[in-house]
Structure formats: structure tokens, C-alpha cells
Amino acid sequence: MNKFALAGVAIATIFAASPAFAACDTIKSRTVGVSACIDDTQWELRAPQGDQEFLYFSVDQRVGFTIITEKKSFSASDFRKAVLINGKNANAGKDVQIIAERVEAVAGKSWSVMEYQFGEPGQELEFQNFYYTQPDFGSVQVVFWSIPGDATVAAYRAGVVLATLGYL
């Protein structure tokens, strides 16, 4: 086999294995200008609840994620406070345990990321909340969760989904 044929096989293998080229369902927010390609062999769509625009669970049921959108924009500090208040409300009024905070580039824009945990001992969930807000755009959260032992799996799957995010 010549070098060109080997290179072609290697490129075809990369594209076939890449999540961006896998079977996917392109979702588009009706509220803010974002879209994503959700691999429908990895994620099951569920009926969103409350403020959720989209809700998915992994086919192995180890990770869930939701996309929450709002037309209104907030200051970075107010958005952070709202994330904590929502976490506290979901945790029966108890404060969440913040594990880490950082800023990450998602599709060329700076998103805030807060990792936190809550729940009764032995029933904890770990969240990775990616959130972004800008005037004339609105606000969006992409929130992944799992049990703490699957947090690395959730982080990997978050990276795969967020790598497909685009702005409309």
C-alpha cells in the first residue's frame, strides 16, 4: 500500500472516530443564538422541565446535561450568584460545595465554569456548570451532572458536546 493510501485510511479513521462527524442532531436555541451537534448514539433527549430548553441523559445513564437559556443578560457576578442560588434551591436550601471555578474558551468566547457538589451523604451529585452572558445575546447555561465517581466521564462528555457549540 502506498503512502497516499495509508494517509487516506488514517484520515478516514480520524473522521469516523471524531464526535463532530458522528451521527448527530443539530439543536438550535429558540431563545439565544447558540446551536450544538448532539451525538444521538450517545445521548437520549428527554422532556425539559422548568427553564430548561433541552435535557439529555447519556445512553449509559451516567451523565445528564441540560441547556438553560434566557433572553436577559446579567453581570458576571449576578449570574454567578444566580447559579449558586439555583443550586441551593435544588439542594433543599443548603449551600452547595464549590469544587472549582475557572474561565474556559467555548467556541471562541470566554465562559465561566463552576464545579460544585450537593446532596445527602452517599447521594451526592457533582455539577459542571458552563455559563455565558452578554448584552444583545442573553444568557445560557450548559450544565452537566453525574455522581462524583463519574465526574471525569462527565467532564469528557462535556468537552465533546461543547466542542460542537456554535453561535447563530
N, C-alpha and C. Protein backbone atom coordinates (compact mmCIF):
# COMPACT_ATOMS: atom_id res chain seq x y z
N MET A 1 0.85 -1.16 0.00
CA MET A 1 0.00 0.00 0.00
C MET A 1 0.90 1.23 0.00
N ASN A 2 0.58 2.21 -0.84
CA ASN A 2 1.45 3.39 -0.88
C ASN A 2 1.11 4.38 0.22
N LYS A 3 1.96 5.40 0.37
CA LYS A 3 1.80 6.36 1.45
C LYS A 3 0.50 7.14 1.34
N PHE A 4 0.07 7.45 0.10
CA PHE A 4 -1.17 8.20 -0.06
C PHE A 4 -2.37 7.37 0.40
N ALA A 5 -2.36 6.10 0.10
CA ALA A 5 -3.47 5.24 0.52
C ALA A 5 -3.49 5.12 2.04
N LEU A 6 -2.30 4.98 2.66
CA LEU A 6 -2.23 4.90 4.12
C LEU A 6 -2.73 6.20 4.75
N ALA A 7 -2.34 7.32 4.17
CA ALA A 7 -2.80 8.60 4.69
C ALA A 7 -4.31 8.72 4.56
N GLY A 8 -4.87 8.27 3.47
CA GLY A 8 -6.31 8.30 3.28
C GLY A 8 -7.04 7.44 4.30
N VAL A 9 -6.50 6.27 4.58
CA VAL A 9 -7.10 5.39 5.59
C VAL A 9 -7.02 6.05 6.96
N ALA A 10 -5.89 6.68 7.28
CA ALA A 10 -5.73 7.34 8.57
C ALA A 10 -6.71 8.49 8.71
N ILE A 11 -6.86 9.30 7.67
CA ILE A 11 -7.79 10.44 7.73
C ILE A 11 -9.22 9.95 7.85
N ALA A 12 -9.59 8.93 7.10
CA ALA A 12 -10.94 8.37 7.18
C ALA A 12 -11.22 7.84 8.59
N THR A 13 -10.22 7.21 9.20
CA THR A 13 -10.38 6.69 10.55
C THR A 13 -10.58 7.82 11.54
N ILE A 14 -9.83 8.90 11.41
CA ILE A 14 -9.97 10.05 12.31
C ILE A 14 -11.36 10.65 12.18
N PHE A 15 -11.83 10.87 10.95
CA PHE A 15 -13.16 11.46 10.75
C PHE A 15 -14.26 10.54 11.28
N ALA A 16 -14.12 9.25 11.10
CA ALA A 16 -15.14 8.32 11.57
C ALA A 16 -15.19 8.29 13.10
N ALA A 17 -14.04 8.48 13.75
CA ALA A 17 -13.99 8.42 15.21
C ALA A 17 -14.31 9.76 15.86
N SER A 18 -14.24 10.84 15.10
CA SER A 18 -14.45 12.17 15.65
C SER A 18 -15.92 12.42 15.95
N PRO A 19 -16.24 12.94 17.16
CA PRO A 19 -17.62 13.21 17.50
C PRO A 19 -18.28 14.19 16.55
N ALA A 20 -17.52 15.13 16.00
CA ALA A 20 -18.10 16.12 15.11
C ALA A 20 -18.62 15.47 13.83
N PHE A 21 -18.15 14.30 13.50
CA PHE A 21 -18.56 13.64 12.28
C PHE A 21 -19.46 12.44 12.56
N ALA A 22 -19.79 12.21 13.81
CA ALA A 22 -20.68 11.11 14.17
C ALA A 22 -22.13 11.52 13.86
N ALA A 23 -23.04 10.57 13.92
CA ALA A 23 -24.45 10.87 13.74
C ALA A 23 -24.87 11.85 14.83
N CYS A 24 -25.51 12.93 14.42
CA CYS A 24 -25.88 13.89 15.44
C CYS A 24 -27.17 14.60 15.07
N ASP A 25 -27.73 15.22 16.08
CA ASP A 25 -28.92 16.02 15.94
C ASP A 25 -28.50 17.46 16.23
N THR A 26 -28.59 18.33 15.26
CA THR A 26 -28.23 19.73 15.49
C THR A 26 -29.41 20.41 16.17
N ILE A 27 -29.13 20.93 17.35
CA ILE A 27 -30.15 21.65 18.10
C ILE A 27 -29.85 23.14 18.03
N LYS A 28 -30.89 23.94 17.99
CA LYS A 28 -30.75 25.39 17.95
C LYS A 28 -31.69 25.99 19.00
N SER A 29 -31.13 26.86 19.81
CA SER A 29 -31.93 27.52 20.82
C SER A 29 -32.94 28.45 20.14
N ARG A 30 -34.14 28.49 20.71
CA ARG A 30 -35.15 29.45 20.25
C ARG A 30 -35.02 30.77 21.02
N THR A 31 -34.15 30.80 22.03
CA THR A 31 -34.06 31.95 22.92
C THR A 31 -32.79 32.77 22.69
N VAL A 32 -31.64 32.09 22.56
CA VAL A 32 -30.36 32.77 22.35
C VAL A 32 -29.70 32.17 21.11
N GLY A 33 -28.69 32.82 20.60
CA GLY A 33 -28.04 32.40 19.38
C GLY A 33 -26.98 31.33 19.57
N VAL A 34 -27.38 30.13 19.99
CA VAL A 34 -26.45 29.01 20.10
C VAL A 34 -27.04 27.77 19.45
N SER A 35 -26.14 26.93 18.99
CA SER A 35 -26.53 25.62 18.46
C SER A 35 -25.46 24.62 18.90
N ALA A 36 -25.79 23.36 18.79
CA ALA A 36 -24.83 22.30 19.12
C ALA A 36 -25.23 21.05 18.34
N CYS A 37 -24.27 20.18 18.16
CA CYS A 37 -24.50 18.90 17.49
C CYS A 37 -24.45 17.82 18.57
N ILE A 38 -25.59 17.23 18.86
CA ILE A 38 -25.68 16.23 19.92
C ILE A 38 -25.64 14.85 19.28
N ASP A 39 -24.66 14.06 19.64
CA ASP A 39 -24.49 12.71 19.10
C ASP A 39 -25.63 11.83 19.59
N ASP A 40 -26.54 11.50 18.68
CA ASP A 40 -27.72 10.75 19.11
C ASP A 40 -27.45 9.28 19.38
N THR A 41 -26.20 8.84 19.19
CA THR A 41 -25.85 7.49 19.62
C THR A 41 -25.34 7.50 21.07
N GLN A 42 -25.07 8.69 21.61
CA GLN A 42 -24.55 8.83 22.97
C GLN A 42 -25.54 9.46 23.95
N TRP A 43 -26.51 10.21 23.42
CA TRP A 43 -27.42 10.98 24.28
C TRP A 43 -28.87 10.70 23.93
N GLU A 44 -29.70 10.64 24.96
CA GLU A 44 -31.14 10.47 24.78
C GLU A 44 -31.84 11.76 25.19
N LEU A 45 -32.63 12.31 24.29
CA LEU A 45 -33.39 13.52 24.57
C LEU A 45 -34.53 13.21 25.52
N ARG A 46 -34.72 14.07 26.50
CA ARG A 46 -35.82 13.93 27.46
C ARG A 46 -36.65 15.22 27.42
N ALA A 47 -37.81 15.18 28.01
CA ALA A 47 -38.66 16.37 28.08
C ALA A 47 -38.05 17.36 29.06
N PRO A 48 -37.73 18.57 28.60
CA PRO A 48 -37.16 19.57 29.51
C PRO A 48 -38.18 19.98 30.57
N GLN A 49 -37.65 20.46 31.69
CA GLN A 49 -38.50 20.86 32.81
C GLN A 49 -38.16 22.29 33.21
N GLY A 50 -39.15 23.04 33.60
CA GLY A 50 -38.91 24.40 34.08
C GLY A 50 -38.26 25.27 33.03
N ASP A 51 -37.13 25.88 33.39
CA ASP A 51 -36.43 26.79 32.50
C ASP A 51 -35.52 26.10 31.49
N GLN A 52 -35.46 24.80 31.52
CA GLN A 52 -34.59 24.06 30.60
C GLN A 52 -35.13 24.16 29.18
N GLU A 53 -34.24 24.40 28.23
CA GLU A 53 -34.65 24.36 26.82
C GLU A 53 -34.40 22.97 26.24
N PHE A 54 -33.34 22.32 26.70
CA PHE A 54 -33.00 20.96 26.27
C PHE A 54 -32.57 20.15 27.48
N LEU A 55 -32.84 18.85 27.46
CA LEU A 55 -32.45 17.95 28.54
C LEU A 55 -32.05 16.62 27.92
N TYR A 56 -30.86 16.13 28.30
CA TYR A 56 -30.34 14.87 27.76
C TYR A 56 -29.77 14.01 28.89
N PHE A 57 -29.83 12.69 28.69
CA PHE A 57 -29.12 11.74 29.54
C PHE A 57 -28.29 10.85 28.63
N SER A 58 -27.10 10.50 29.10
CA SER A 58 -26.27 9.59 28.31
C SER A 58 -26.96 8.24 28.23
N VAL A 59 -26.70 7.50 27.14
CA VAL A 59 -27.37 6.21 26.96
C VAL A 59 -27.01 5.25 28.09
N ASP A 60 -25.85 5.41 28.71
CA ASP A 60 -25.49 4.55 29.84
C ASP A 60 -25.99 5.10 31.18
N GLN A 61 -26.72 6.23 31.14
CA GLN A 61 -27.35 6.84 32.32
C GLN A 61 -26.35 7.33 33.37
N ARG A 62 -25.08 7.54 32.97
CA ARG A 62 -24.07 8.00 33.93
C ARG A 62 -23.99 9.53 34.00
N VAL A 63 -24.43 10.21 32.96
CA VAL A 63 -24.28 11.67 32.88
C VAL A 63 -25.57 12.27 32.33
N GLY A 64 -25.94 13.40 32.88
CA GLY A 64 -27.05 14.17 32.32
C GLY A 64 -26.57 15.57 32.00
N PHE A 65 -27.27 16.23 31.09
CA PHE A 65 -26.98 17.64 30.89
C PHE A 65 -28.22 18.36 30.39
N THR A 66 -28.23 19.64 30.69
CA THR A 66 -29.33 20.50 30.27
C THR A 66 -28.76 21.80 29.73
N ILE A 67 -29.54 22.42 28.88
CA ILE A 67 -29.21 23.75 28.37
C ILE A 67 -30.35 24.67 28.81
N ILE A 68 -29.97 25.69 29.56
CA ILE A 68 -30.94 26.66 30.09
C ILE A 68 -30.63 28.00 29.45
N THR A 69 -31.63 28.62 28.84
CA THR A 69 -31.42 29.87 28.13
C THR A 69 -32.37 30.94 28.62
N GLU A 70 -31.94 32.18 28.47
CA GLU A 70 -32.77 33.31 28.85
C GLU A 70 -32.40 34.50 27.98
N LYS A 71 -33.38 35.26 27.56
CA LYS A 71 -33.13 36.43 26.71
C LYS A 71 -32.39 37.53 27.45
N LYS A 72 -32.59 37.60 28.76
CA LYS A 72 -31.98 38.65 29.56
C LYS A 72 -30.49 38.35 29.80
N SER A 73 -29.67 39.38 29.83
CA SER A 73 -28.27 39.21 30.19
C SER A 73 -28.06 39.73 31.62
N PHE A 74 -26.98 39.30 32.23
CA PHE A 74 -26.67 39.64 33.61
C PHE A 74 -25.21 40.07 33.70
N SER A 75 -24.86 40.72 34.79
CA SER A 75 -23.44 40.94 35.05
C SER A 75 -22.85 39.59 35.43
N ALA A 76 -21.54 39.43 35.26
CA ALA A 76 -20.89 38.16 35.59
C ALA A 76 -21.12 37.79 37.06
N SER A 77 -21.03 38.78 37.96
CA SER A 77 -21.21 38.47 39.38
C SER A 77 -22.66 38.10 39.70
N ASP A 78 -23.62 38.77 39.06
CA ASP A 78 -25.02 38.41 39.29
C ASP A 78 -25.35 37.03 38.75
N PHE A 79 -24.76 36.68 37.61
CA PHE A 79 -25.00 35.35 37.04
C PHE A 79 -24.43 34.28 37.96
N ARG A 80 -23.22 34.52 38.46
CA ARG A 80 -22.61 33.58 39.40
C ARG A 80 -23.50 33.39 40.63
N LYS A 81 -24.00 34.50 41.18
CA LYS A 81 -24.88 34.42 42.35
C LYS A 81 -26.14 33.61 42.02
N ALA A 82 -26.69 33.81 40.83
CA ALA A 82 -27.90 33.08 40.43
C ALA A 82 -27.64 31.59 40.32
N VAL A 83 -26.47 31.22 39.80
CA VAL A 83 -26.11 29.80 39.72
C VAL A 83 -26.08 29.20 41.12
N LEU A 84 -25.47 29.92 42.07
CA LEU A 84 -25.40 29.42 43.45
C LEU A 84 -26.77 29.36 44.13
N ILE A 85 -27.60 30.35 43.88
CA ILE A 85 -28.95 30.36 44.45
C ILE A 85 -29.76 29.19 43.91
N ASN A 86 -29.67 28.95 42.59
CA ASN A 86 -30.40 27.83 42.00
C ASN A 86 -29.90 26.50 42.55
N GLY A 87 -28.59 26.38 42.73
CA GLY A 87 -28.04 25.17 43.33
C GLY A 87 -28.54 24.97 44.75
N LYS A 88 -28.56 26.06 45.51
CA LYS A 88 -29.04 25.99 46.89
C LYS A 88 -30.52 25.60 46.93
N ASN A 89 -31.32 26.16 46.03
CA ASN A 89 -32.74 25.81 45.97
C ASN A 89 -32.93 24.34 45.62
N ALA A 90 -32.12 23.82 44.72
CA ALA A 90 -32.21 22.41 44.34
C ALA A 90 -31.71 21.49 45.46
N ASN A 91 -30.95 22.06 46.39
CA ASN A 91 -30.37 21.30 47.49
C ASN A 91 -31.14 21.53 48.79
N ALA A 92 -32.44 21.73 48.69
CA ALA A 92 -33.30 21.90 49.87
C ALA A 92 -32.85 23.04 50.77
N GLY A 93 -32.35 24.13 50.17
CA GLY A 93 -31.95 25.30 50.93
C GLY A 93 -30.56 25.26 51.53
N LYS A 94 -29.82 24.19 51.28
CA LYS A 94 -28.45 24.09 51.80
C LYS A 94 -27.47 24.58 50.74
N ASP A 95 -26.40 25.27 51.19
CA ASP A 95 -25.38 25.76 50.27
C ASP A 95 -24.72 24.60 49.53
N VAL A 96 -24.32 24.88 48.29
CA VAL A 96 -23.58 23.87 47.52
C VAL A 96 -22.11 23.96 47.90
N GLN A 97 -21.39 22.88 47.66
CA GLN A 97 -19.95 22.86 47.91
C GLN A 97 -19.25 23.15 46.59
N ILE A 98 -18.61 24.32 46.50
CA ILE A 98 -17.90 24.68 45.28
C ILE A 98 -16.58 23.91 45.25
N ILE A 99 -16.33 23.23 44.16
CA ILE A 99 -15.11 22.45 43.99
C ILE A 99 -14.06 23.25 43.23
N ALA A 100 -14.49 23.95 42.17
CA ALA A 100 -13.55 24.71 41.35
C ALA A 100 -14.31 25.74 40.53
N GLU A 101 -13.60 26.81 40.18
CA GLU A 101 -14.13 27.82 39.26
C GLU A 101 -13.02 28.22 38.32
N ARG A 102 -13.41 28.52 37.07
CA ARG A 102 -12.42 28.92 36.07
C ARG A 102 -13.15 29.57 34.89
N VAL A 103 -12.38 30.05 33.95
CA VAL A 103 -12.92 30.55 32.69
C VAL A 103 -12.34 29.68 31.60
N GLU A 104 -13.19 29.27 30.66
CA GLU A 104 -12.76 28.44 29.53
C GLU A 104 -13.24 29.05 28.24
N ALA A 105 -12.48 28.87 27.19
CA ALA A 105 -12.90 29.29 25.85
C ALA A 105 -13.84 28.22 25.29
N VAL A 106 -15.03 28.65 24.91
CA VAL A 106 -16.00 27.76 24.27
C VAL A 106 -16.38 28.43 22.96
N ALA A 107 -16.00 27.80 21.87
CA ALA A 107 -16.27 28.35 20.53
C ALA A 107 -15.79 29.79 20.42
N GLY A 108 -14.63 30.06 20.98
CA GLY A 108 -14.00 31.37 20.83
C GLY A 108 -14.47 32.44 21.80
N LYS A 109 -15.33 32.10 22.74
CA LYS A 109 -15.81 33.08 23.73
C LYS A 109 -15.47 32.59 25.13
N SER A 110 -15.27 33.52 26.04
CA SER A 110 -14.92 33.17 27.43
C SER A 110 -16.18 32.85 28.22
N TRP A 111 -16.26 31.61 28.69
CA TRP A 111 -17.38 31.15 29.50
C TRP A 111 -16.87 30.93 30.93
N SER A 112 -17.71 31.24 31.89
CA SER A 112 -17.41 30.91 33.28
C SER A 112 -17.80 29.46 33.51
N VAL A 113 -17.03 28.79 34.37
CA VAL A 113 -17.32 27.40 34.71
C VAL A 113 -17.26 27.28 36.22
N MET A 114 -18.30 26.69 36.78
CA MET A 114 -18.31 26.42 38.21
C MET A 114 -18.62 24.94 38.40
N GLU A 115 -17.75 24.28 39.15
CA GLU A 115 -17.99 22.89 39.52
C GLU A 115 -18.41 22.89 40.98
N TYR A 116 -19.51 22.20 41.25
CA TYR A 116 -20.00 22.15 42.62
C TYR A 116 -20.68 20.81 42.86
N GLN A 117 -20.91 20.56 44.14
CA GLN A 117 -21.49 19.29 44.55
C GLN A 117 -22.55 19.55 45.60
N PHE A 118 -23.60 18.75 45.59
CA PHE A 118 -24.56 18.77 46.68
C PHE A 118 -25.29 17.45 46.77
N GLY A 119 -26.00 17.29 47.87
CA GLY A 119 -26.76 16.07 48.11
C GLY A 119 -26.40 15.48 49.46
N GLU A 120 -27.25 14.62 49.92
CA GLU A 120 -27.01 13.93 51.19
C GLU A 120 -25.84 12.96 51.03
N PRO A 121 -25.13 12.68 52.11
CA PRO A 121 -24.01 11.73 52.03
C PRO A 121 -24.44 10.41 51.37
N GLY A 122 -23.65 10.01 50.40
CA GLY A 122 -23.94 8.80 49.65
C GLY A 122 -24.88 9.02 48.48
N GLN A 123 -25.44 10.23 48.37
CA GLN A 123 -26.36 10.56 47.28
C GLN A 123 -25.96 11.86 46.58
N GLU A 124 -24.68 12.20 46.68
CA GLU A 124 -24.21 13.46 46.12
C GLU A 124 -24.23 13.42 44.59
N LEU A 125 -24.42 14.59 44.02
CA LEU A 125 -24.26 14.80 42.59
C LEU A 125 -23.21 15.89 42.40
N GLU A 126 -22.43 15.75 41.36
CA GLU A 126 -21.42 16.75 41.02
C GLU A 126 -21.83 17.42 39.72
N PHE A 127 -21.78 18.75 39.72
CA PHE A 127 -22.22 19.55 38.58
C PHE A 127 -21.05 20.30 37.97
N GLN A 128 -21.08 20.42 36.66
CA GLN A 128 -20.15 21.25 35.92
C GLN A 128 -21.01 22.23 35.12
N ASN A 129 -21.09 23.45 35.62
CA ASN A 129 -21.98 24.46 35.06
C ASN A 129 -21.16 25.44 34.22
N PHE A 130 -21.37 25.40 32.91
CA PHE A 130 -20.73 26.33 31.98
C PHE A 130 -21.75 27.42 31.71
N TYR A 131 -21.40 28.68 31.96
CA TYR A 131 -22.38 29.74 31.77
C TYR A 131 -21.77 30.96 31.09
N TYR A 132 -22.62 31.62 30.29
CA TYR A 132 -22.18 32.73 29.45
C TYR A 132 -23.32 33.73 29.34
N THR A 133 -22.99 35.01 29.42
CA THR A 133 -23.99 36.07 29.27
C THR A 133 -23.34 37.27 28.59
N GLN A 134 -24.10 37.91 27.74
CA GLN A 134 -23.65 39.13 27.08
C GLN A 134 -24.87 39.96 26.70
N PRO A 135 -24.76 41.30 26.77
CA PRO A 135 -25.85 42.13 26.27
C PRO A 135 -26.09 41.81 24.78
N ASP A 136 -27.29 41.96 24.34
CA ASP A 136 -27.70 41.68 22.96
C ASP A 136 -27.53 40.22 22.57
N PHE A 137 -27.26 39.35 23.53
CA PHE A 137 -27.18 37.91 23.30
C PHE A 137 -28.15 37.20 24.24
N GLY A 138 -28.04 37.52 25.52
CA GLY A 138 -28.82 36.84 26.54
C GLY A 138 -27.90 36.03 27.43
N SER A 139 -28.43 34.95 27.98
CA SER A 139 -27.69 34.11 28.92
C SER A 139 -27.94 32.65 28.61
N VAL A 140 -26.91 31.85 28.80
CA VAL A 140 -27.03 30.42 28.57
C VAL A 140 -26.20 29.68 29.60
N GLN A 141 -26.74 28.57 30.06
CA GLN A 141 -26.00 27.64 30.93
C GLN A 141 -26.06 26.27 30.26
N VAL A 142 -24.93 25.60 30.24
CA VAL A 142 -24.87 24.20 29.81
C VAL A 142 -24.35 23.46 31.05
N VAL A 143 -25.24 22.69 31.67
CA VAL A 143 -24.96 22.09 32.97
C VAL A 143 -24.91 20.57 32.85
N PHE A 144 -23.77 19.99 33.20
CA PHE A 144 -23.59 18.53 33.20
C PHE A 144 -23.56 18.05 34.64
N TRP A 145 -24.09 16.85 34.89
CA TRP A 145 -24.03 16.29 36.24
C TRP A 145 -23.86 14.79 36.19
N SER A 146 -23.33 14.30 37.30
CA SER A 146 -23.09 12.87 37.48
C SER A 146 -22.86 12.62 38.96
N ILE A 147 -22.69 11.35 39.33
CA ILE A 147 -22.23 11.08 40.68
C ILE A 147 -20.75 11.48 40.71
N PRO A 148 -20.20 11.82 41.88
CA PRO A 148 -18.81 12.25 41.93
C PRO A 148 -17.82 11.27 41.29
N GLY A 149 -18.06 9.97 41.41
CA GLY A 149 -17.15 8.99 40.81
C GLY A 149 -17.13 9.01 39.30
N ASP A 150 -18.15 9.61 38.67
CA ASP A 150 -18.20 9.73 37.21
C ASP A 150 -17.89 11.14 36.72
N ALA A 151 -17.35 11.99 37.59
CA ALA A 151 -17.09 13.38 37.21
C ALA A 151 -16.11 13.49 36.05
N THR A 152 -15.13 12.61 35.97
CA THR A 152 -14.19 12.65 34.85
C THR A 152 -14.90 12.27 33.55
N VAL A 153 -15.77 11.28 33.62
CA VAL A 153 -16.56 10.90 32.45
C VAL A 153 -17.43 12.07 32.02
N ALA A 154 -18.07 12.74 32.98
CA ALA A 154 -18.92 13.89 32.68
C ALA A 154 -18.10 15.02 32.06
N ALA A 155 -16.91 15.26 32.58
CA ALA A 155 -16.06 16.32 32.04
C ALA A 155 -15.67 16.03 30.59
N TYR A 156 -15.34 14.78 30.31
CA TYR A 156 -15.00 14.41 28.94
C TYR A 156 -16.21 14.63 28.01
N ARG A 157 -17.37 14.16 28.45
CA ARG A 157 -18.57 14.29 27.61
C ARG A 157 -18.97 15.75 27.46
N ALA A 158 -18.74 16.57 28.48
CA ALA A 158 -18.99 17.99 28.36
C ALA A 158 -18.10 18.59 27.28
N GLY A 159 -16.83 18.20 27.28
CA GLY A 159 -15.90 18.70 26.26
C GLY A 159 -16.33 18.32 24.85
N VAL A 160 -16.83 17.10 24.68
CA VAL A 160 -17.28 16.65 23.36
C VAL A 160 -18.47 17.49 22.90
N VAL A 161 -19.45 17.69 23.80
CA VAL A 161 -20.63 18.48 23.43
C VAL A 161 -20.25 19.94 23.17
N LEU A 162 -19.48 20.53 24.07
CA LEU A 162 -19.14 21.95 23.93
C LEU A 162 -18.25 22.22 22.72
N ALA A 163 -17.52 21.20 22.26
CA ALA A 163 -16.70 21.37 21.05
C ALA A 163 -17.56 21.57 19.81
N THR A 164 -18.83 21.19 19.88
CA THR A 164 -19.72 21.35 18.73
C THR A 164 -20.56 22.63 18.82
N LEU A 165 -20.42 23.36 19.92
CA LEU A 165 -21.23 24.56 20.12
C LEU A 165 -20.90 25.62 19.08
N GLY A 166 -21.91 26.26 18.57
CA GLY A 166 -21.72 27.36 17.63
C GLY A 166 -22.65 28.50 17.98
N TYR A 167 -22.35 29.66 17.44
CA TYR A 167 -23.17 30.85 17.68
C TYR A 167 -23.90 31.20 16.40
N LEU A 168 -25.17 31.53 16.52
CA LEU A 168 -26.00 31.85 15.37
C LEU A 168 -26.06 33.34 15.15
